[in-house]
């Protein structure tokens, strides 16, 4: 029983009732304007038969055309969209497409709203009146001479069924309101919501935003993860030689300070991008030009071999190559400890080759708890640039080999 009555007492139903009534209210000034327009042509004679029927049909068609033409105006579409969104509850997002197909759908919706509202307004007046009449007739005694055409009804033994008909009529009207509201909610997104092109553009913007957030997540993972790994290595080395070699311990502490400062700068940069701060958007990103600073703060013995002109590498490739080297050194510090590293960079005509090798030392205590997205992050970066990556053991070494194509269109 509650399920049957819930739609009748729902606030949504009565907001949609208001929407239909508003359509009927809008119908009245249009009707007055249309009648005034027709009166300008006057009435030169009576019409009969099919001529009268044709004129009535033409009049109705002309009225509908007038409503459609009014609905083509952007201001009418905006007001109708606001009414519909607030009272019907749909669409959740209004379309902004100004193309003629989109405007035509909105105009058709406006005409349907006004005409349906007018019919519903008549039903609002007629249905309650008839329902009340069905309850009054059985109890209202009138002289036979005054009953007229109602005599067969009032004299019948079935007159007491009239109130049942009144109840059914009332319920039909109420549930008809619910049905009309649901139909309006179902059709509104198609008429007033974003067009197919707008939805495609919204999906593309969403995909771009997610891709950017994933890129920023990788940036943050690589930068902060690298800094923490280097801090761990340097702090461990400083603790071991603090008494025997204070100068080396001082250098290690300086590297820790520099790594932490760099990580904080990167963290501020990424958070600023997420907050869309223009100041942070102008913060330069690190490229292979900053490689010497990166290698100097690791605390690892690194041998570097560069071939070709790294200056001509496109900015996007240079940024990703820097992050790949950074993540590779982070993995070395995490999983192999303080071991010698060999780095080779070769800028070929059509591609950049990057090789990073280190001895395979024993797993460090707690290294498994330091995160497991290193190789996955490298693969994601390489895949974005349509490159190739191989990582794995090679004899007693661990090798990471990356090849990234260099294209003129990369920025």
Protein backbone atom coordinates (compact mmCIF):
# COMPACT_ATOMS: atom_id res chain seq x y z
CA UNK A 1 0.00 0.00 0.00
CA UNK A 2 2.83 2.39 0.88
CA UNK A 3 4.45 1.69 -2.46
CA UNK A 4 1.24 2.66 -4.27
CA UNK A 5 0.78 5.85 -2.28
CA UNK A 6 4.44 6.94 -2.28
CA UNK A 7 4.33 8.53 -5.78
CA UNK A 8 1.25 10.55 -4.82
CA UNK A 9 2.92 12.17 -1.80
CA UNK A 10 6.38 12.54 -3.32
CA UNK A 11 7.74 16.06 -3.61
CA UNK A 12 9.09 15.16 -7.06
CA UNK A 13 5.57 14.43 -8.30
CA UNK A 14 4.25 17.80 -7.18
CA UNK A 15 7.22 19.67 -8.61
CA UNK A 16 6.44 18.01 -11.93
CA UNK A 17 2.77 18.94 -11.41
CA UNK A 18 3.95 22.56 -11.15
CA UNK A 19 5.91 22.12 -14.36
CA UNK A 20 2.78 21.03 -16.21
CA UNK A 21 0.75 23.88 -14.74
CA UNK A 22 3.43 26.37 -15.84
CA UNK A 23 3.06 25.01 -19.38
CA UNK A 24 -0.68 25.73 -19.22
CA UNK A 25 -0.02 29.24 -17.92
CA UNK A 26 2.37 29.93 -20.81
CA UNK A 27 -0.31 28.70 -23.24
CA UNK A 28 -2.74 31.51 -22.36
CA UNK A 29 -0.75 34.56 -23.61
CA UNK A 30 0.19 32.68 -26.78
CA UNK A 31 -3.46 31.86 -27.37
CA UNK A 32 -4.51 35.49 -26.85
CA UNK A 33 -1.78 36.66 -29.22
CA UNK A 34 -2.79 34.13 -31.85
CA UNK A 35 -6.50 35.00 -31.64
CA UNK A 36 -5.64 38.68 -31.93
CA UNK A 37 -3.56 37.91 -35.01
CA UNK A 38 -6.40 35.96 -36.62
CA UNK A 39 -8.87 38.73 -35.87
CA UNK A 40 -6.92 41.03 -38.16
CA UNK A 41 -8.14 39.02 -41.13
CA UNK A 42 -11.80 39.29 -40.05
CA UNK A 43 -14.55 36.81 -40.87
CA UNK A 44 -16.17 37.41 -44.27
CA UNK A 45 -18.78 34.70 -44.02
CA UNK A 46 -19.81 31.49 -42.44
CA UNK A 47 -17.99 28.32 -43.32
CA UNK A 48 -19.50 24.88 -43.39
CA UNK A 49 -18.44 21.28 -43.67
CA UNK A 50 -14.97 20.43 -44.82
CA UNK A 51 -14.03 24.09 -45.25
CA UNK A 52 -14.57 24.74 -41.57
CA UNK A 53 -12.65 21.56 -40.64
CA UNK A 54 -9.75 22.61 -42.87
CA UNK A 55 -9.63 26.06 -41.34
CA UNK A 56 -9.60 24.57 -37.84
CA UNK A 57 -6.73 22.23 -38.76
CA UNK A 58 -4.79 25.08 -40.35
CA UNK A 59 -5.40 27.19 -37.26
CA UNK A 60 -4.07 24.48 -34.96
CA UNK A 61 -1.04 23.92 -37.21
CA UNK A 62 -0.35 27.65 -37.28
CA UNK A 63 -0.51 27.84 -33.50
CA UNK A 64 1.97 24.95 -33.17
CA UNK A 65 4.30 26.60 -35.69
CA UNK A 66 4.16 29.81 -33.65
CA UNK A 67 5.19 27.92 -30.51
CA UNK A 68 8.05 26.18 -32.32
CA UNK A 69 9.33 29.47 -33.72
CA UNK A 70 9.25 31.02 -30.24
CA UNK A 71 11.18 28.04 -28.87
CA UNK A 72 14.03 28.64 -31.33
CA UNK A 73 15.07 31.80 -29.47
CA UNK A 74 18.05 31.12 -27.14
CA UNK A 75 16.44 33.02 -24.25
CA UNK A 76 13.32 30.84 -24.44
CA UNK A 77 15.49 27.72 -24.51
CA UNK A 78 17.46 28.94 -21.48
CA UNK A 79 14.29 29.69 -19.47
CA UNK A 80 12.67 26.40 -20.48
CA UNK A 81 15.85 24.55 -19.52
CA UNK A 82 15.91 26.23 -16.10
CA UNK A 83 12.23 25.36 -15.48
CA UNK A 84 12.74 21.78 -16.58
CA UNK A 85 15.89 21.20 -14.59
CA UNK A 86 14.42 22.64 -11.40
CA UNK A 87 10.90 21.19 -11.55
CA UNK A 88 11.33 17.96 -13.52
CA UNK A 89 14.77 17.14 -12.15
CA UNK A 90 16.27 16.53 -15.58
CA UNK A 91 18.52 16.98 -17.39
CA UNK A 92 21.28 17.20 -14.81
CA UNK A 93 23.41 19.24 -17.23
CA UNK A 94 21.87 21.61 -19.78
CA UNK A 95 23.22 21.58 -23.31
CA UNK A 96 24.90 24.68 -24.73
CA UNK A 97 25.06 23.63 -28.36
CA UNK A 98 23.82 26.48 -30.60
CA UNK A 99 23.47 24.37 -33.74
CA UNK A 100 20.10 24.28 -35.50
CA UNK A 101 19.40 20.59 -34.72
CA UNK A 102 19.88 21.27 -31.00
CA UNK A 103 17.71 24.39 -31.17
CA UNK A 104 15.03 22.49 -33.08
CA UNK A 105 14.86 19.81 -30.37
CA UNK A 106 14.55 22.48 -27.68
CA UNK A 107 11.82 24.23 -29.69
CA UNK A 108 9.88 21.00 -30.09
CA UNK A 109 10.18 20.41 -26.35
CA UNK A 110 8.87 23.91 -25.62
CA UNK A 111 5.85 23.45 -27.93
CA UNK A 112 5.08 20.04 -26.41
CA UNK A 113 5.37 21.50 -22.89
CA UNK A 114 2.92 24.32 -23.63
CA UNK A 115 0.36 22.16 -25.44
CA UNK A 116 0.53 19.36 -22.87
CA UNK A 117 0.31 21.93 -20.10
CA UNK A 118 -2.83 23.42 -21.66
CA UNK A 119 -4.50 20.00 -21.90
CA UNK A 120 -3.44 19.22 -18.36
CA UNK A 121 -4.79 22.54 -17.12
CA UNK A 122 -8.19 21.71 -18.60
CA UNK A 123 -8.02 18.30 -16.90
CA UNK A 124 -7.15 20.00 -13.60
CA UNK A 125 -10.40 21.96 -13.81
CA UNK A 126 -12.61 19.24 -15.26
CA UNK A 127 -11.53 16.14 -13.34
CA UNK A 128 -12.16 17.52 -9.81
CA UNK A 129 -15.49 19.02 -10.93
CA UNK A 130 -16.72 15.71 -12.34
CA UNK A 131 -15.46 13.82 -9.30
CA UNK A 132 -17.33 16.15 -6.93
CA UNK A 133 -20.47 15.82 -9.07
CA UNK A 134 -20.36 12.01 -8.78
CA UNK A 135 -20.36 12.30 -4.99
CA UNK A 136 -23.18 14.87 -4.89
CA UNK A 137 -25.71 13.28 -7.26
CA UNK A 138 -26.67 10.24 -5.11
CA UNK A 139 -27.47 12.47 -2.15
CA UNK A 140 -29.12 15.38 -3.93
CA UNK A 141 -32.88 15.08 -4.36
CA UNK A 142 -34.36 17.11 -7.23
CA UNK A 143 -37.91 17.25 -8.61
CA UNK A 144 -38.44 14.94 -11.54
CA UNK A 145 -39.23 17.91 -13.79
CA UNK A 146 -35.79 19.38 -13.10
CA UNK A 147 -33.80 16.20 -13.66
CA UNK A 148 -34.01 16.39 -17.44
CA UNK A 149 -31.36 14.33 -19.18
CA UNK A 150 -30.03 13.13 -15.81
CA UNK A 151 -33.21 11.22 -15.04
CA UNK A 152 -31.94 7.85 -16.36
CA UNK A 153 -28.93 8.18 -14.05
CA UNK A 154 -30.55 9.54 -10.94
CA UNK A 155 -33.51 7.11 -11.19
CA UNK A 156 -31.27 4.08 -11.64
CA UNK A 157 -30.38 1.68 -8.84
CA UNK A 158 -26.73 1.97 -9.99
CA UNK A 159 -26.55 5.63 -9.01
CA UNK A 160 -24.59 4.65 -5.90
CA UNK A 161 -21.71 3.50 -8.15
CA UNK A 162 -21.10 7.06 -9.26
CA UNK A 163 -18.84 7.83 -6.25
CA UNK A 164 -16.73 4.77 -7.18
CA UNK A 165 -16.32 6.25 -10.65
CA UNK A 166 -15.36 9.56 -9.04
CA UNK A 167 -12.66 7.86 -6.95
CA UNK A 168 -11.31 6.05 -10.01
CA UNK A 169 -11.32 9.31 -11.98
CA UNK A 170 -9.41 11.06 -9.19
CA UNK A 171 -6.84 8.27 -8.95
CA UNK A 172 -6.50 8.21 -12.72
CA UNK A 173 -5.81 11.94 -12.74
CA UNK A 174 -3.22 11.68 -9.95
CA UNK A 175 -1.39 8.72 -11.41
CA UNK A 176 -1.62 10.37 -14.82
CA UNK A 177 0.32 13.26 -13.31
CA UNK A 178 2.97 10.82 -12.07
CA UNK A 179 3.18 9.20 -15.51
CA UNK A 180 3.47 12.51 -17.36
CA UNK A 181 6.21 13.62 -14.96
CA UNK A 182 8.20 10.44 -15.55
CA UNK A 183 7.83 10.77 -19.32
CA UNK A 184 9.06 14.37 -19.10
CA UNK A 185 12.06 13.31 -17.00
CA UNK A 186 12.89 10.58 -19.51
CA UNK A 187 12.68 12.85 -22.58
CA UNK A 188 14.19 16.05 -21.13
CA UNK A 189 17.87 14.96 -21.43
CA UNK A 190 17.37 14.21 -25.14
CA UNK A 191 15.73 17.58 -25.82
CA UNK A 192 17.62 19.94 -23.51
CA UNK A 193 20.71 18.00 -22.45
CA UNK A 194 24.16 18.08 -24.07
CA UNK A 195 24.30 17.05 -27.70
CA UNK A 196 26.30 14.04 -28.87
CA UNK A 197 29.20 16.32 -29.81
CA UNK A 198 29.11 18.00 -26.40
CA UNK A 199 29.13 14.61 -24.66
CA UNK A 200 32.10 13.49 -26.75
CA UNK A 201 33.95 16.69 -25.89
CA UNK A 202 33.13 16.22 -22.19
CA UNK A 203 34.46 12.65 -22.29
CA UNK A 204 37.62 13.86 -24.01
CA UNK A 205 38.10 16.58 -21.39
CA UNK A 206 37.57 14.00 -18.67
CA UNK A 207 40.07 11.64 -20.28
CA UNK A 208 42.60 14.47 -20.62
CA UNK A 209 42.10 15.42 -16.97
CA UNK A 210 42.57 11.81 -15.83
CA UNK A 211 45.65 11.44 -18.01
CA UNK A 212 47.08 14.63 -16.54
CA UNK A 213 46.36 13.46 -13.01
CA UNK A 214 48.03 10.12 -13.73
CA UNK A 215 51.04 11.97 -15.10
CA UNK A 216 51.18 14.15 -11.99
CA UNK A 217 50.89 11.05 -9.81
CA UNK A 218 53.88 9.55 -11.60
CA UNK A 219 55.80 12.80 -11.20
CA UNK A 220 55.09 12.85 -7.48
CA UNK A 221 55.90 9.15 -7.05
CA UNK A 222 59.19 9.45 -8.92
CA UNK A 223 60.35 12.67 -7.30
CA UNK A 224 59.40 12.00 -3.68
CA UNK A 225 60.25 8.29 -3.92
CA UNK A 226 63.67 9.14 -5.31
CA UNK A 227 64.31 11.73 -2.63
CA UNK A 228 63.35 9.36 0.19
CA UNK A 229 65.48 6.56 -1.24
CA UNK A 230 68.51 8.83 -1.58
CA UNK A 231 67.93 10.18 1.92
CA UNK A 232 67.90 6.59 3.20
CA UNK A 233 71.14 5.69 1.38
CA UNK A 234 72.95 8.88 2.37
CA UNK A 235 71.81 8.72 5.98
CA UNK A 236 72.95 5.09 6.23
CA UNK A 237 76.34 5.94 4.72
CA UNK A 238 76.77 8.98 6.99
CA UNK A 239 75.95 6.92 10.08
CA UNK A 240 78.59 4.31 9.18
CA UNK A 241 81.47 6.78 8.66
CA UNK A 242 80.47 9.57 11.01
CA UNK A 243 83.38 8.91 13.42
CA UNK A 244 86.01 7.90 10.85
CA UNK A 245 85.26 10.41 8.06
CA UNK A 246 83.31 13.46 9.30
CA UNK A 247 83.89 15.27 6.00
CA UNK A 248 82.10 12.52 4.02
CA UNK A 249 79.29 12.51 6.58
CA UNK A 250 78.96 16.28 6.10
CA UNK A 251 78.71 15.82 2.34
CA UNK A 252 76.08 13.11 2.81
CA UNK A 253 74.02 15.38 5.04
CA UNK A 254 74.28 18.12 2.41
CA UNK A 255 73.01 15.70 -0.24
CA UNK A 256 70.13 14.78 2.06
CA UNK A 257 69.25 18.45 2.46
CA UNK A 258 69.38 19.07 -1.30
CA UNK A 259 67.30 15.97 -2.11
CA UNK A 260 64.66 16.95 0.44
CA UNK A 261 64.53 20.51 -0.91
CA UNK A 262 64.14 19.25 -4.48
CA UNK A 263 61.36 16.88 -3.42
CA UNK A 264 59.54 19.72 -1.65
CA UNK A 265 59.79 21.87 -4.78
CA UNK A 266 58.36 19.07 -6.90
CA UNK A 267 55.62 18.45 -4.36
CA UNK A 268 54.69 22.14 -4.36
CA UNK A 269 54.70 22.14 -8.16
CA UNK A 270 52.40 19.10 -8.46
CA UNK A 271 49.99 20.31 -5.77
CA UNK A 272 49.89 23.69 -7.46
CA UNK A 273 48.94 22.04 -10.75
CA UNK A 274 46.17 20.12 -9.01
CA UNK A 275 44.89 23.38 -7.56
CA UNK A 276 45.28 25.09 -10.96
CA UNK A 277 47.56 27.78 -9.60
CA UNK A 278 49.11 29.73 -12.47
CA UNK A 279 52.27 30.38 -10.49
CA UNK A 280 52.95 26.69 -10.20
CA UNK A 281 52.07 26.09 -13.84
CA UNK A 282 54.99 28.33 -14.80
CA UNK A 283 57.42 26.34 -12.66
CA UNK A 284 59.99 24.79 -15.05
CA UNK A 285 60.13 21.01 -15.14
CA UNK A 286 63.44 19.20 -14.96
CA UNK A 287 65.01 17.76 -18.09
CA UNK A 288 68.28 16.06 -19.03
CA UNK A 289 69.93 19.47 -18.61
CA UNK A 290 69.49 18.97 -14.85
CA UNK A 291 71.01 15.49 -14.91
CA UNK A 292 74.30 16.50 -13.28
CA UNK A 293 72.47 17.85 -10.21
CA UNK A 294 70.42 14.65 -9.98
CA UNK A 295 73.46 12.38 -10.19
CA UNK A 296 75.42 14.47 -7.72
CA UNK A 297 72.83 14.07 -4.96
CA UNK A 298 72.36 10.31 -5.14
CA UNK A 299 75.43 9.34 -3.17
CA UNK A 300 75.97 6.44 -5.58
CA UNK A 301 79.15 5.96 -7.64
CA UNK A 302 77.84 6.61 -11.15
CA UNK A 303 79.65 6.34 -14.48
CA UNK A 304 78.00 8.35 -17.26
CA UNK A 305 78.52 7.85 -20.98
CA UNK A 306 76.75 10.32 -23.29
CA UNK A 307 76.66 10.05 -27.09
CA UNK A 308 75.19 12.58 -29.48
CA UNK A 309 73.70 15.99 -28.80
CA UNK A 310 71.27 15.77 -25.89
CA UNK A 311 70.32 19.43 -26.39
CA UNK A 312 68.35 18.65 -29.57
CA UNK A 313 66.07 16.14 -27.85
CA UNK A 314 62.44 17.40 -27.72
CA UNK A 315 61.34 18.77 -24.36
CA UNK A 316 58.75 16.03 -23.71
CA UNK A 317 61.29 13.26 -24.34
CA UNK A 318 63.92 15.06 -22.27
CA UNK A 319 61.53 15.44 -19.31
CA UNK A 320 60.50 11.78 -19.39
CA UNK A 321 64.10 10.60 -19.83
CA UNK A 322 65.08 12.59 -16.75
CA UNK A 323 62.29 10.95 -14.75
CA UNK A 324 63.24 7.51 -16.08
CA UNK A 325 66.83 7.98 -14.91
CA UNK A 326 65.56 9.28 -11.58
CA UNK A 327 63.25 6.30 -11.06
CA UNK A 328 65.97 3.87 -12.16
CA UNK A 329 68.40 5.27 -9.59
CA UNK A 330 65.65 5.13 -6.98
CA UNK A 331 65.17 1.42 -7.69
CA UNK A 332 68.92 0.84 -7.40
CA UNK A 333 69.01 2.58 -4.01
CA UNK A 334 65.95 0.64 -2.82
CA UNK A 335 66.87 -2.82 -3.92
CA UNK A 336 70.66 -2.97 -4.35
CA UNK A 337 71.96 -0.36 -1.95
CA UNK A 338 75.24 1.53 -2.36
CA UNK A 339 76.53 -0.10 -5.55
CA UNK A 340 78.23 1.34 -8.65
CA UNK A 341 75.90 2.35 -11.46
CA UNK A 342 76.58 2.72 -15.17
CA UNK A 343 74.43 5.10 -17.20
CA UNK A 344 74.57 5.40 -20.98
CA UNK A 345 72.62 7.99 -23.01
CA UNK A 346 72.76 7.98 -26.79
CA UNK A 347 70.90 10.54 -28.90
CA UNK A 348 70.50 8.91 -32.32
CA UNK A 349 68.90 10.47 -35.37
CA UNK A 350 65.45 9.02 -34.72
CA UNK A 351 65.56 7.76 -31.14
CA UNK A 352 67.04 8.15 -27.69
CA UNK A 353 68.69 5.10 -26.12
CA UNK A 354 69.05 4.85 -22.35
CA UNK A 355 70.79 2.03 -20.47
CA UNK A 356 71.14 1.79 -16.72
CA UNK A 357 73.06 -1.13 -15.18
CA UNK A 358 74.15 -2.03 -11.69
CA UNK A 359 75.42 -5.13 -9.86
CA UNK A 360 72.73 -7.40 -8.48
CA UNK A 361 73.29 -7.08 -4.76
CA UNK A 362 71.36 -8.94 -2.06
CA UNK A 363 67.87 -7.65 -1.28
CA UNK A 364 68.03 -4.94 1.35
CA UNK A 365 66.10 -5.43 4.59
CA UNK A 366 62.65 -3.92 4.22
CA UNK A 367 63.13 -3.20 0.51
CA UNK A 368 59.90 -5.01 -0.35
CA UNK A 369 57.98 -2.52 1.74
CA UNK A 370 59.34 0.46 -0.16
CA UNK A 371 56.77 0.29 -2.93
CA UNK A 372 56.35 -1.78 -6.03
CA UNK A 373 55.43 0.68 -8.78
CA UNK A 374 58.95 1.44 -9.97
CA UNK A 375 59.03 -0.69 -13.12
CA UNK A 376 55.32 -0.10 -13.77
CA UNK A 377 55.88 3.64 -13.62
CA UNK A 378 58.81 3.37 -16.03
CA UNK A 379 56.75 1.29 -18.44
CA UNK A 380 53.90 3.82 -18.34
CA UNK A 381 56.25 6.68 -19.16
CA UNK A 382 57.86 4.80 -22.02
CA UNK A 383 54.48 3.67 -23.41
CA UNK A 384 53.15 7.24 -23.50
CA UNK A 385 56.04 8.16 -25.80
CA UNK A 386 55.55 4.99 -27.90
CA UNK A 387 58.92 3.67 -26.79
CA UNK A 388 60.23 0.25 -25.82
CA UNK A 389 61.60 -0.91 -22.46
CA UNK A 390 63.30 -4.02 -21.21
CA UNK A 391 64.27 -4.63 -17.60
CA UNK A 392 65.73 -7.75 -16.02
CA UNK A 393 68.83 -9.62 -14.93
CA UNK A 394 71.76 -9.96 -17.29
CA UNK A 395 74.57 -12.17 -15.92
CA UNK A 396 75.42 -10.64 -12.54
CA UNK A 397 73.95 -7.25 -13.49
CA UNK A 398 70.52 -5.71 -13.49
CA UNK A 399 69.80 -3.78 -16.67
CA UNK A 400 67.11 -1.30 -17.65
CA UNK A 401 67.15 -0.56 -21.37
CA UNK A 402 64.84 2.09 -22.89
CA UNK A 403 64.44 3.29 -26.45
CA UNK A 404 62.26 6.36 -27.12
CA UNK A 405 61.51 7.61 -30.64
CA UNK A 406 62.33 11.24 -31.35
CA UNK A 407 59.74 13.01 -33.50
CA UNK A 408 59.64 16.64 -34.57
CA UNK A 409 56.06 17.02 -33.33
CA UNK A 410 56.94 16.12 -29.73
CA UNK A 411 56.75 19.13 -27.40
